[in-house]
Protein backbone atom coordinates (compact mmCIF):
# COMPACT_ATOMS: atom_id res chain seq x y z
CA MET A 1 14.99 -12.94 -5.73
CA SER A 2 15.32 -11.97 -1.74
CA THR A 3 13.74 -9.47 0.02
CA THR A 4 15.55 -9.13 2.67
CA VAL A 5 17.56 -5.87 3.56
CA GLU A 6 21.36 -7.16 2.98
CA LEU A 7 20.04 -7.07 -1.09
CA PHE A 8 20.34 -3.28 -0.82
CA SER A 9 23.83 -2.99 0.61
CA ALA A 10 24.95 0.02 -1.84
CA PRO A 11 28.35 0.69 -3.32
CA ALA A 12 30.25 4.01 -1.79
CA ALA A 13 29.48 5.79 -4.63
CA GLU A 14 25.75 5.37 -4.17
CA GLN A 15 25.96 6.16 -0.92
CA ASP A 16 27.44 9.46 -1.55
CA LEU A 17 24.22 10.70 -3.64
CA ALA A 18 23.48 14.27 -1.91
CA VAL A 19 20.52 15.54 -3.43
CA VAL A 20 20.10 19.81 -3.50
CA ASN A 21 16.80 19.50 -5.80
CA LEU A 22 14.55 17.49 -7.37
CA ARG A 23 15.67 18.91 -11.08
CA GLU A 24 19.10 18.46 -10.97
CA LEU A 25 18.34 14.63 -11.04
CA GLU A 26 17.22 14.41 -14.65
CA ASP A 27 20.87 16.02 -16.12
CA ARG A 28 22.75 13.25 -13.22
CA ALA A 29 20.66 10.09 -14.38
CA ALA A 30 21.31 10.84 -17.93
CA LYS A 31 24.70 10.23 -17.19
CA VAL A 32 24.28 7.02 -16.07
CA LEU A 33 21.63 5.46 -17.56
CA GLN A 34 21.65 3.72 -21.43
CA THR A 35 19.92 5.95 -24.22
CA GLY A 36 17.20 4.02 -24.75
CA PRO A 37 15.82 3.20 -20.97
CA PHE A 38 17.10 7.27 -20.23
CA GLY A 39 13.97 8.08 -23.31
CA TYR A 40 11.70 5.43 -22.15
CA ILE A 41 11.30 7.25 -18.62
CA SER A 42 12.41 10.93 -19.54
CA GLY A 43 10.23 11.56 -22.57
CA GLY A 44 6.95 12.60 -23.06
CA SER A 45 4.03 12.59 -26.00
CA GLY A 46 4.23 14.64 -29.15
CA ASP A 47 5.87 17.64 -28.72
CA GLU A 48 6.10 17.47 -24.98
CA ILE A 49 3.93 20.32 -24.28
CA THR A 50 2.29 18.42 -21.42
CA LEU A 51 5.15 17.28 -19.98
CA ARG A 52 6.72 20.88 -19.57
CA GLU A 53 3.68 22.19 -18.23
CA ASN A 54 3.11 19.92 -15.71
CA VAL A 55 6.49 21.53 -13.87
CA GLU A 56 5.88 25.07 -15.10
CA ALA A 57 2.66 25.43 -14.51
CA PHE A 58 3.21 25.14 -10.60
CA ASP A 59 4.68 29.19 -11.45
CA ASP A 60 1.54 30.38 -11.97
CA TYR A 61 0.93 31.14 -8.58
CA ARG A 62 2.63 32.54 -5.46
CA ILE A 63 2.05 31.78 -2.28
CA VAL A 64 1.04 34.33 0.82
CA PRO A 65 2.96 34.10 3.70
CA ARG A 66 1.31 34.99 7.21
CA TYR A 67 3.85 35.78 10.04
CA LEU A 68 3.80 36.00 13.87
CA THR A 69 2.38 33.00 14.02
CA GLY A 70 3.81 31.63 16.96
CA LEU A 71 4.97 28.58 14.95
CA ASP A 72 8.04 26.69 15.93
CA GLU A 73 8.14 23.48 13.99
CA PRO A 74 5.37 22.55 11.25
CA ASP A 75 4.07 18.89 11.60
CA ILE A 76 3.66 17.56 7.72
CA SER A 77 2.73 14.31 8.71
CA THR A 78 -0.93 13.34 7.76
CA GLU A 79 -3.41 10.36 7.19
CA ILE A 80 -4.28 8.79 4.47
CA PHE A 81 -7.19 6.41 4.27
CA GLY A 82 -6.77 6.62 7.70
CA THR A 83 -2.98 5.62 8.14
CA LYS A 84 -0.45 8.03 9.52
CA VAL A 85 2.25 8.50 7.33
CA ALA A 86 5.32 11.15 7.19
CA ALA A 87 4.28 13.18 4.56
CA PRO A 88 1.69 13.97 2.00
CA ILE A 89 3.98 12.50 -0.79
CA PHE A 90 3.60 9.05 -2.13
CA CYS A 91 5.09 7.06 -5.38
CA PRO A 92 2.83 6.97 -8.15
CA PRO A 93 2.69 3.39 -10.27
CA MET A 94 5.79 3.29 -13.02
CA ALA A 95 6.80 0.45 -15.37
CA ALA A 96 9.80 -1.24 -15.22
CA HIS A 97 11.75 0.12 -12.98
CA GLY A 98 14.88 -2.27 -13.52
CA LEU A 99 15.25 0.08 -16.30
CA ALA A 100 17.17 2.19 -13.64
CA HIS A 101 18.78 -0.09 -11.04
CA ILE A 102 19.57 -3.90 -10.22
CA THR A 103 17.30 -3.63 -7.61
CA ALA A 104 13.85 -2.58 -9.24
CA GLU A 105 11.18 -2.19 -7.39
CA LEU A 106 12.64 -3.87 -4.46
CA GLY A 107 15.22 -0.92 -3.95
CA SER A 108 12.68 2.18 -4.66
CA SER A 109 9.62 0.45 -2.26
CA HIS A 110 12.66 0.08 0.55
CA GLY A 111 13.48 3.49 -0.25
CA TRP A 112 9.94 4.73 0.16
CA GLY A 113 9.30 2.70 2.74
CA GLU A 114 12.05 3.94 4.82
CA ALA A 115 10.65 7.13 4.29
CA ASN A 116 7.19 5.99 5.60
CA CYS A 117 5.62 7.44 2.56
CA PRO A 118 2.99 5.45 0.15
CA TYR A 119 4.39 3.30 -2.76
CA THR A 120 2.62 2.02 -5.77
CA MET A 121 3.14 -1.48 -6.93
CA ALA A 122 2.52 -1.33 -10.47
CA THR A 123 0.89 -4.08 -12.88
CA LEU A 124 3.96 -4.02 -14.81
CA SER A 125 6.52 -4.15 -12.35
CA ASN A 126 9.74 -6.00 -13.06
CA THR A 127 9.32 -7.82 -9.05
CA LEU A 128 6.16 -10.18 -8.08
CA ILE A 129 3.55 -7.72 -6.10
CA GLU A 130 4.30 -10.52 -3.03
CA HIS A 131 8.31 -9.41 -2.72
CA ILE A 132 7.68 -5.87 -3.50
CA ALA A 133 5.32 -5.62 -0.36
CA THR A 134 7.56 -6.69 1.83
CA ALA A 135 10.95 -4.78 0.66
CA HIS A 136 10.14 -2.82 3.79
CA PRO A 137 7.33 -2.67 6.73
CA ALA A 138 6.85 0.63 7.05
CA GLY A 139 4.49 3.16 4.47
CA PRO A 140 1.08 1.94 2.86
CA LYS A 141 1.49 -0.07 -0.14
CA TRP A 142 -1.38 0.38 -2.93
CA PHE A 143 -1.50 -1.50 -6.28
CA GLN A 144 -1.90 -0.18 -9.42
CA LEU A 145 -4.16 -2.16 -12.33
CA TYR A 146 -4.36 -1.88 -15.51
CA PHE A 147 -7.56 -3.52 -16.49
CA ALA A 148 -6.13 -7.55 -18.41
CA LYS A 149 -8.74 -8.29 -21.42
CA ASP A 150 -8.88 -11.44 -19.19
CA LYS A 151 -11.33 -10.66 -16.13
CA GLY A 152 -10.35 -13.66 -14.10
CA LEU A 153 -6.25 -12.18 -13.93
CA ASN A 154 -7.80 -9.07 -12.78
CA ALA A 155 -9.55 -10.46 -10.08
CA GLU A 156 -6.37 -12.53 -9.16
CA LEU A 157 -4.02 -9.99 -9.54
CA LEU A 158 -6.26 -7.62 -7.24
CA GLN A 159 -6.52 -10.66 -4.84
CA ARG A 160 -2.67 -11.36 -4.50
CA ALA A 161 -2.27 -7.65 -4.18
CA LYS A 162 -4.52 -7.42 -1.16
CA ALA A 163 -3.59 -10.91 -0.13
CA ALA A 164 0.07 -9.29 0.07
CA GLY A 165 -1.12 -6.45 2.18
CA ALA A 166 -2.27 -3.42 -0.30
CA THR A 167 -4.42 -1.36 1.05
CA ALA A 168 -5.72 0.59 -1.63
CA ILE A 169 -6.34 -0.25 -5.75
CA VAL A 170 -4.95 2.31 -8.13
CA PHE A 171 -7.35 1.71 -11.11
CA ALA A 172 -5.06 3.62 -14.30
CA VAL A 173 -7.52 4.45 -17.32
CA ASP A 174 -5.25 6.43 -19.23
CA LEU A 175 -3.23 3.73 -21.05
CA GLU A 176 -5.25 1.91 -23.19
CA ARG A 177 -2.70 2.97 -25.91
CA PRO A 178 0.48 4.41 -25.30
CA GLY A 179 0.81 8.04 -26.20
CA ASN A 180 2.75 9.27 -29.44
CA ARG A 181 6.47 9.02 -27.81
CA GLU A 182 9.04 9.68 -30.36
CA ALA A 183 11.76 9.45 -27.73
CA ASP A 184 11.16 5.83 -27.93
CA MET A 185 10.44 5.71 -31.83
CA LYS A 186 14.19 7.28 -32.38
CA ASN A 187 15.73 4.97 -29.72
CA ASP A 188 13.40 2.02 -31.63
CA PHE A 189 12.99 0.97 -27.69
CA HIS A 190 12.26 -2.05 -26.34
CA PHE A 191 12.25 -3.66 -22.60
CA PRO A 192 15.82 -5.35 -22.18
CA SER A 193 15.46 -9.26 -22.43
CA ILE A 194 17.28 -9.90 -19.10
CA LEU A 195 13.75 -7.77 -18.04
CA LYS A 196 10.67 -9.87 -16.94
CA PHE A 197 7.39 -8.90 -16.25
CA PRO A 198 6.21 -11.54 -13.83
CA ASN A 199 2.69 -10.66 -12.96
CA ILE A 200 1.49 -10.44 -16.41
CA PRO A 201 1.45 -14.02 -18.17
CA GLY A 202 1.82 -13.14 -21.96
CA ALA A 203 4.04 -9.81 -20.87
CA LEU A 204 7.27 -11.46 -22.59
CA ALA A 205 10.55 -9.48 -22.27
CA GLY A 206 12.24 -7.85 -25.02
CA GLU A 207 8.86 -6.44 -26.43
CA SER A 208 7.66 -2.68 -26.90
CA LEU A 209 5.24 -0.80 -24.74
CA GLY A 210 2.72 -1.03 -27.18
CA GLU A 211 3.02 -4.49 -27.95
CA ILE A 212 2.51 -5.43 -24.13
CA MET A 213 -0.56 -3.43 -24.33
CA LYS A 214 -2.07 -5.63 -26.66
CA LEU A 215 -3.02 -7.76 -23.48
CA PHE A 216 -5.23 -5.22 -22.15
CA LYS A 217 -8.81 -4.12 -22.57
CA HIS A 218 -9.26 -1.27 -25.06
CA GLY A 219 -12.24 0.54 -24.39
CA LEU A 220 -12.76 0.74 -20.53
CA ASP A 221 -15.81 1.83 -19.22
CA TRP A 222 -17.57 2.98 -15.90
CA ASP A 223 -18.63 -0.68 -15.21
CA ASP A 224 -14.45 -1.35 -14.92
CA VAL A 225 -14.84 0.78 -11.98
CA THR A 226 -17.30 -1.18 -10.45
CA PHE A 227 -15.29 -4.70 -11.28
CA VAL A 228 -12.21 -3.57 -9.78
CA ARG A 229 -14.10 -2.24 -6.60
CA GLU A 230 -16.27 -5.21 -5.74
CA ALA A 231 -13.36 -7.83 -6.88
CA SER A 232 -10.66 -6.26 -4.57
CA GLY A 233 -13.25 -4.98 -1.66
CA LEU A 234 -10.42 -2.08 -1.31
CA PRO A 235 -10.71 1.64 -2.14
CA VAL A 236 -10.44 2.41 -5.54
CA ILE A 237 -8.47 5.22 -6.52
CA VAL A 238 -9.17 6.04 -10.08
CA LYS A 239 -5.74 7.53 -11.83
CA GLY A 240 -5.86 9.70 -15.08
CA LEU A 241 -8.78 11.97 -14.63
CA LEU A 242 -8.22 15.83 -15.88
CA SER A 243 -11.93 16.31 -16.63
CA PRO A 244 -14.60 17.47 -13.50
CA HIS A 245 -17.10 15.56 -15.40
CA ASP A 246 -14.88 12.14 -15.02
CA ALA A 247 -13.82 13.17 -11.46
CA LYS A 248 -18.00 13.07 -10.80
CA MET A 249 -18.74 10.32 -12.56
CA ALA A 250 -15.95 8.50 -10.31
CA ILE A 251 -17.49 9.10 -7.28
CA GLU A 252 -20.82 7.90 -8.42
CA TYR A 253 -19.66 4.48 -9.16
CA GLY A 254 -17.62 4.54 -5.79
CA ALA A 255 -14.26 5.49 -6.60
CA SER A 256 -12.78 6.32 -2.59
CA ALA A 257 -10.51 8.91 -4.54
CA ILE A 258 -9.56 10.90 -7.34
CA GLY A 259 -6.10 10.93 -9.14
CA VAL A 260 -5.80 13.88 -11.09
CA SER A 261 -2.88 12.90 -13.60
CA ASN A 262 -1.97 13.39 -17.66
CA HIS A 263 0.57 10.36 -17.17
CA GLY A 264 3.24 12.23 -17.16
CA GLY A 265 2.62 14.10 -20.27
CA ARG A 266 3.26 10.89 -22.20
CA GLN A 267 -0.11 9.97 -23.24
CA LEU A 268 -1.99 13.04 -24.90
CA ASP A 269 -0.31 15.97 -25.59
CA ASN A 270 -1.29 19.43 -25.40
CA VAL A 271 -3.92 18.46 -22.34
CA PRO A 272 -3.46 20.96 -19.25
CA GLY A 273 -0.47 19.95 -16.41
CA ALA A 274 -1.96 18.42 -13.80
CA ILE A 275 -1.91 21.52 -11.19
CA VAL A 276 -4.07 23.26 -13.89
CA ALA A 277 -6.62 20.69 -13.87
CA LEU A 278 -6.65 20.14 -9.85
CA PRO A 279 -8.68 23.49 -9.20
CA LEU A 280 -11.55 21.94 -11.44
CA ILE A 281 -11.70 19.07 -10.15
CA THR A 282 -11.50 20.31 -6.64
CA ASP A 283 -14.52 22.49 -7.13
CA VAL A 284 -16.75 19.21 -8.53
CA VAL A 285 -15.47 16.76 -6.18
CA GLN A 286 -16.34 19.50 -2.95
CA GLY A 287 -14.55 17.36 -0.31
CA ARG A 288 -15.87 14.01 -1.00
CA VAL A 289 -13.16 11.79 -1.37
CA PRO A 290 -9.40 12.60 -1.30
CA ILE A 291 -7.56 14.29 -4.43
CA PHE A 292 -4.08 12.52 -5.62
CA LEU A 293 -2.01 14.73 -7.84
CA ASP A 294 0.77 13.37 -9.69
CA GLY A 295 3.10 15.12 -12.40
CA GLY A 296 5.50 17.96 -12.30
CA VAL A 297 6.01 18.08 -8.06
CA ARG A 298 9.85 18.95 -7.91
CA ARG A 299 9.65 21.52 -4.88
CA GLY A 300 8.47 21.42 -1.78
CA VAL A 301 6.71 24.51 -2.59
CA HIS A 302 4.96 22.45 -5.31
CA VAL A 303 3.55 19.98 -2.10
CA LEU A 304 2.16 23.00 -0.63
CA GLU A 305 0.66 24.41 -3.95
CA ALA A 306 -0.67 21.19 -4.94
CA LEU A 307 -2.16 21.14 -1.44
CA ALA A 308 -3.83 24.43 -1.58
CA LEU A 309 -5.44 23.97 -4.38
CA GLY A 310 -7.42 21.00 -2.92
CA ALA A 311 -4.80 17.73 -3.29
CA SER A 312 -4.87 15.34 -0.07
CA ALA A 313 -1.23 14.31 -1.39
CA VAL A 314 1.34 14.82 -4.61
CA GLY A 315 3.18 11.90 -6.17
CA VAL A 316 6.93 12.19 -7.59
CA GLY A 317 7.31 9.69 -10.25
CA ARG A 318 10.52 10.32 -12.63
CA PRO A 319 12.61 11.61 -9.56
CA THR A 320 12.47 8.56 -7.78
CA LEU A 321 13.50 6.40 -11.03
CA TYR A 322 16.63 9.11 -11.30
CA SER A 323 17.49 8.48 -7.45
CA LEU A 324 17.12 5.10 -7.75
CA ALA A 325 19.52 4.80 -10.59
CA LEU A 326 21.80 7.24 -8.66
CA GLY A 327 21.56 5.42 -5.58
CA GLY A 328 19.89 2.62 -4.98
CA TRP A 329 17.21 2.85 -2.25
CA ARG A 330 19.35 5.64 -0.44
CA GLY A 331 19.18 7.44 -3.57
CA VAL A 332 15.34 7.09 -3.20
CA HIS A 333 15.58 7.78 0.31
CA GLY A 334 17.69 10.80 -0.20
CA MET A 335 15.52 12.52 -2.99
CA ILE A 336 12.33 11.88 -0.32
CA GLU A 337 13.98 13.33 3.11
CA HIS A 338 15.19 16.36 0.84
CA LEU A 339 11.48 16.81 -0.59
CA LYS A 340 10.03 16.75 2.42
CA GLN A 341 12.68 19.02 3.93
CA GLU A 342 12.33 21.66 1.71
CA PHE A 343 8.17 20.99 2.07
CA ALA A 344 8.74 21.52 6.13
CA LEU A 345 10.77 24.84 5.57
CA ALA A 346 7.89 25.85 2.93
CA MET A 347 5.15 24.90 5.39
CA LYS A 348 7.02 26.85 8.14
CA LEU A 349 8.01 30.01 6.08
CA SER A 350 4.35 29.92 5.01
CA GLY A 351 3.02 29.94 8.38
CA ALA A 352 1.25 26.38 7.82
CA ALA A 353 1.69 24.40 11.55
CA ARG A 354 -0.24 21.43 9.46
CA VAL A 355 -1.08 19.97 6.69
CA LYS A 356 -4.65 20.57 7.16
CA ASP A 357 -3.94 24.50 7.87
CA ILE A 358 -2.49 24.59 4.15
CA HIS A 359 -5.51 26.32 2.19
CA ALA A 360 -6.50 27.84 -1.11
CA GLY A 361 -6.45 31.44 0.83
CA MET A 362 -2.77 30.81 0.91
CA LEU A 363 -2.29 31.35 -3.11
CA VAL A 364 -2.93 33.94 -5.72
CA PRO A 365 -2.57 33.38 -9.33
CA GLN A 366 0.06 35.13 -10.87
CA THR A 367 -1.95 36.34 -13.98
CA THR A 368 0.09 39.01 -15.28
CA SER A 369 3.28 37.37 -17.13
CA ILE A 370 6.18 39.58 -18.30
CA ARG A 371 5.00 38.51 -21.93
CA PHE A 372 1.53 39.98 -22.07
CA ARG A 373 3.46 43.45 -20.00
CA GLN A 374 5.58 43.44 -23.06
CA SER A 375 2.56 43.20 -25.67
């Protein structure tokens, strides 16, 4: 498949995608996606308690604004691993973007590149790493690794990603087996036969996620972090951590960053929302390495809250696929630009001139809920 920009010429209906807020994208995408793919993208595990808490737990904080600061317009840009990006927002790894749109990862990568924010290429992409990396020249490209049983394949993938221009490796450690995803069970979901996984020999089209994951190692350990770091020669983000102890161990084994994530509520249910786990991990990390959070970010104020609690940047997952489904690369770009505008407004109204000015003192916990007052 060509990676030229001409590929992304969107029909008129796609170009007209207007984003009022990221929350509404899910309902809109449900109207254009088939039941199986939509369930795979939108669903969580078990009773979806964690899926809901990812979003709702942001409501447990209140922002304390500062006024008379002389602030005109805030600067929302930041540096990640020494590279300046337009905003502290990135695309986390997600499999099979071809479920959302014919352009698959070429479309999503182009949209994120147009926004000049980091994009993570996934092991289970429907597009070759080399093609994703060149879909748009702007914005850092990271590569997410699922650790295959074949160490030689892992080394090959890491070197291919590095050669293609990846500047960091996201080592996802929280998917040795898929979670209890009931939407996929009800829909008997298998990846469509037309969608290939060209980066992984043996990952056949038409299989379920559970079947594909049999190709990957079960029983990951800390030595695997060392392997990824040494085989890639790149900064390693250990993604999927919720435990402060695991964050401490990751740093001891050479991680360059911590990825606070519960896999979008798709793995073990009843674990903390990502924003709930963040302050505990921030306390342990003590600024030694960056912390990246994904899970539930739907508003500019969510970005501000996460940064105030210690994150260096936040990932926006499902809204990427929803906006891709609705508008191709232009939909993705429009979604990011809208979130950037909301974040800039949140900074302006709270009195933060630069990203580094955002701090924990800007938040207070909303500890007294209605249900407690009524009890």
